[in-house]
């Protein structure tokens, strides 16, 4: 690897002499692709994800970086693949970022190491699928705990000959029953355990590296309830919340245009359309131009609803609703889609085209929508689409979510066709400048957009 000695990917630059010996040893063996020497070092849980404190180098970064650019002399790709397999098997984190703000997959892509990049994607897909399963398990577990609480309440009113658990009849020093004490004690113990765990994690020398812009990334995460309480601002080219997060922006217009063209082939009039998330009204304006027989919009934010009802620049107010051939043909449903959609299903509403583009919600909500609700809302020959911004601030995350979505749609009985289109990156390449001026976070960094068109399996 002599050609790397004078660049940012050099061994001495990524694993400096100041690196703690316990971390340096693992990183060095990963760099050398010495699987036999590396395996014993991974026996302790978590060691596959150690990080150099200043460069953020992980064993995955090291094993990939050591290969150099594709075609570099001396690179043993098969040995590197074996090391990556072992690291992933031992729980290595696929999307850790280093001091260059690169994940292991980003390094592989930059070096042109396609096979290693695909291995990182595979690991990311497995991790995201597992996370989804665990998230569902935790939700069920929480529901079970609620059921147990209800059972305890019922037991307190049981007949005299029924056995009452000790948990309910514990007493204090004065002999008085303390029904709440065990629960409070458990909460206290749980809190102490959480604090202890947090303290251990924060002081973990193997994970002492602080990723670049970590605080900003955390602060940019917006939850739905917080978003719905936030004040929104409309301007000519964007809709932003009180924290300057971009809710919708005019540069997305070409994506909306292609989405409508795909969801309504040949732009047939007389179709039934449902759009979830009005925003700036870009896609609804395009849907309306096709003269649908039924056009329903679901919007939850009070400021957007006020804009729709009162702004002279918005065509979807009361006059639009009254212009439908039948009552209720054109309608803005105010509220969260989670509350509105069940009512539409109950009323027997179905649509030829459904589009989903909400803000402040994570992937689990999109998945819930197409898994639990689209099958009942979409006509047999209908088409469903969504704004595909999943992981769009990093190519490998975008690629991982592409595969995850495919799998989950398949589980829901749907096929998805991806239409890859160019994104005009003029004005989108630099944080805080061009289209991003006045917007906190550059949420799109890719020059290709994968437009999804989902249909029922045949």
Foldseek 3Di string as FASTA:
>chain_A
DVVCCPDCLHPCNQQPPPFDPLLSQLLVCLLVLVVVSNVVSLPDQPSQAFAGAAFRDGSLLNLQSSQAAPPDPPRDVVSSVVSLVSSLVRPHDLARATQVRDGSLRSCVVSVVVVSNVVSLVSLLVVVVVVVVVVVVVVVVVVVVVVVVVVLVVLVPDDPVDDHDPQQADADPVNHGDNCVVVVVVVVVVVVVVVVVVVCVCPPNRHNHDYPCPVVVVVLQFAPVNQLPWPWDDDPFFIATPVQATLDGNLCLVVLVVQCCVQQPVLAEQFAEEEEACGVVRNVVVNVVSHHLAYEYEDERPNVVCCCADPPVHPLHPVVCVPHPDHNRRYYHYHHCVVVQVVCLVVQAAGQEYEYEGPNDDVVVVLCCLQPRNVSHYDQNHKYWYQQLQVQVDVSRSSSVVVNVQVSNVVSQKHKDWDKDFRPCVQLADDCTRSNPSHSDSSHHDGIGTTIIMHGDD
